C-alpha atoms as a PDB file:
ATOM      1  CA  MET A   1       7.227 -13.675   8.351  1.00  0.00           C
ATOM      2  CA  LYS A   2       3.451 -13.509   8.643  1.00  0.00           C
ATOM      3  CA  SER A   3       3.714  -9.910   9.809  1.00  0.00           C
ATOM      4  CA  ILE A   4       4.694  -8.933   6.250  1.00  0.00           C
ATOM      5  CA  ARG A   5       1.078  -9.383   5.224  1.00  0.00           C
ATOM      6  CA  TYR A   6       0.056  -6.628   7.622  1.00  0.00           C
ATOM      7  CA  LEU A   7       1.828  -4.199   5.286  1.00  0.00           C
ATOM      8  CA  ALA A   8      -0.994  -4.805   2.819  1.00  0.00           C
ATOM      9  CA  TRP A   9      -3.390  -3.137   5.270  1.00  0.00           C
ATOM     10  CA  ILE A  10      -1.521   0.188   5.171  1.00  0.00           C
ATOM     11  CA  PRO A  11      -2.979   1.577   1.886  1.00  0.00           C
ATOM     12  CA  PRO A  12      -6.664   0.874   2.606  1.00  0.00           C
ATOM     13  CA  VAL A  13      -6.429   2.130   6.167  1.00  0.00           C
ATOM     14  CA  GLY A  14      -4.516   5.233   5.105  1.00  0.00           C
ATOM     15  CA  SER A  15      -6.862   6.061   2.265  1.00  0.00           C
ATOM     16  CA  LEU A  16      -9.988   5.581   4.384  1.00  0.00           C
ATOM     17  CA  LEU A  17      -8.940   7.248   7.641  1.00  0.00           C
ATOM     18  CA  GLY A  18      -7.635  10.496   6.165  1.00  0.00           C
ATOM     19  CA  PRO A  19     -10.945  11.754   4.782  1.00  0.00           C
ATOM     20  CA  LEU A  20     -12.783  10.628   7.920  1.00  0.00           C
ATOM     21  CA  LEU A  21     -10.430  12.518  10.213  1.00  0.00           C
ATOM     22  CA  HIS A  22     -10.144  15.702   8.149  1.00  0.00           C
ATOM     23  CA  ASN A  23     -13.301  16.146   6.099  1.00  0.00           C
ATOM     24  CA  ASP A  24     -12.665  19.639   4.728  1.00  0.00           C
ATOM     25  CA  VAL A  25     -11.967  21.245   1.364  1.00  0.00           C
ATOM     26  CA  HIS A  26      -9.010  23.296   2.621  1.00  0.00           C
ATOM     27  CA  PRO A  27      -5.995  22.836   2.442  1.00  0.00           C
ATOM     28  CA  PHE A  28      -5.420  22.025  -1.189  1.00  0.00           C
ATOM     29  CA  ILE A  29      -3.036  19.271  -2.294  1.00  0.00           C
ATOM     30  CA  LEU A  30      -1.608  19.915  -5.769  1.00  0.00           C
ATOM     31  CA  GLY A  31      -4.597  22.145  -6.531  1.00  0.00           C
ATOM     32  CA  MET A  32      -7.145  19.498  -5.514  1.00  0.00           C
ATOM     33  CA  PRO A  33      -9.384  19.544  -2.459  1.00  0.00           C
ATOM     34  CA  PHE A  34      -7.856  17.721   0.492  1.00  0.00           C
ATOM     35  CA  ILE A  35      -9.987  14.579   0.228  1.00  0.00           C
ATOM     36  CA  LEU A  36      -9.329  14.075  -3.487  1.00  0.00           C
ATOM     37  CA  GLY A  37      -5.621  14.825  -3.013  1.00  0.00           C
ATOM     38  CA  TRP A  38      -5.374  12.424  -0.064  1.00  0.00           C
ATOM     39  CA  ILE A  39      -6.992   9.579  -2.000  1.00  0.00           C
ATOM     40  CA  SER A  40      -4.797  10.289  -5.054  1.00  0.00           C
ATOM     41  CA  VAL A  41      -1.632  10.194  -2.956  1.00  0.00           C
ATOM     42  CA  TRP A  42      -2.643   6.870  -1.397  1.00  0.00           C
ATOM     43  CA  LEU A  43      -3.489   5.496  -4.817  1.00  0.00           C
ATOM     44  CA  LEU A  44       0.092   6.240  -5.887  1.00  0.00           C
ATOM     45  CA  LEU A  45       1.565   4.869  -2.634  1.00  0.00           C
ATOM     46  CA  THR A  46      -0.329   1.579  -2.957  1.00  0.00           C
ATOM     47  CA  THR A  47       1.909   0.329  -5.775  1.00  0.00           C
ATOM     48  CA  PRO A  48       5.233   0.549  -3.891  1.00  0.00           C
ATOM     49  CA  VAL A  49       3.695  -0.935  -0.745  1.00  0.00           C
ATOM     50  CA  MET A  50       2.273  -3.903  -2.661  1.00  0.00           C
ATOM     51  CA  ALA A  51       5.594  -4.359  -4.486  1.00  0.00           C
ATOM     52  CA  LEU A  52       7.345  -4.447  -1.115  1.00  0.00           C
ATOM     53  CA  VAL A  53       4.891  -7.069   0.162  1.00  0.00           C
ATOM     54  CA  TYR A  54       5.490  -9.136  -2.967  1.00  0.00           C
ATOM     55  CA  LEU A  55       9.287  -8.919  -2.665  1.00  0.00           C
ATOM     56  CA  LEU A  56       9.340  -9.777   1.033  1.00  0.00           C
ATOM     57  CA  ASP A  57       6.896 -12.687   0.802  1.00  0.00           C
ATOM     58  CA  PRO A  58       8.847 -15.966   0.909  1.00  0.00           C
ATOM     59  CA  ALA A  59       6.167 -17.727  -1.175  1.00  0.00           C
ATOM     60  CA  ASN A  60       7.273 -15.702  -4.216  1.00  0.00           C
ATOM     61  CA  ARG A  61      10.894 -16.814  -4.121  1.00  0.00           C
ATOM     62  CA  GLU A  62      12.172 -19.278  -6.688  1.00  0.00           C
ATOM     63  CA  PRO A  63      12.777 -22.765  -5.335  1.00  0.00           C
ATOM     64  CA  ALA A  64      16.295 -24.129  -5.077  1.00  0.00           C
ATOM     65  CA  ASP A  65      17.581 -26.442  -7.836  1.00  0.00           C
ATOM     66  CA  ASP A  66      17.171 -29.601  -5.758  1.00  0.00           C
ATOM     67  CA  GLU A  67      13.589 -28.657  -4.836  1.00  0.00           C
ATOM     68  CA  ALA A  68      12.668 -27.992  -8.472  1.00  0.00           C
ATOM     69  CA  ALA A  69      13.881 -31.449  -9.536  1.00  0.00           C
ATOM     70  CA  THR A  70      11.419 -33.236  -7.226  1.00  0.00           C
END
């Protein structure tokens, strides 16, 4: 289950590697230069990835009734 935490590395790596690999104004993404569009897309993708990490993390599950009583 510790491999779930590696999912949290996807947004920073994706948002940092794109501009480094393709540092150019063209093509445009939604009318924005590539770098700004790439960072904006990763900003929007960060929320679902972090929600997935939160849902899959066993530390965020509610304890069973017998565990809560102790």
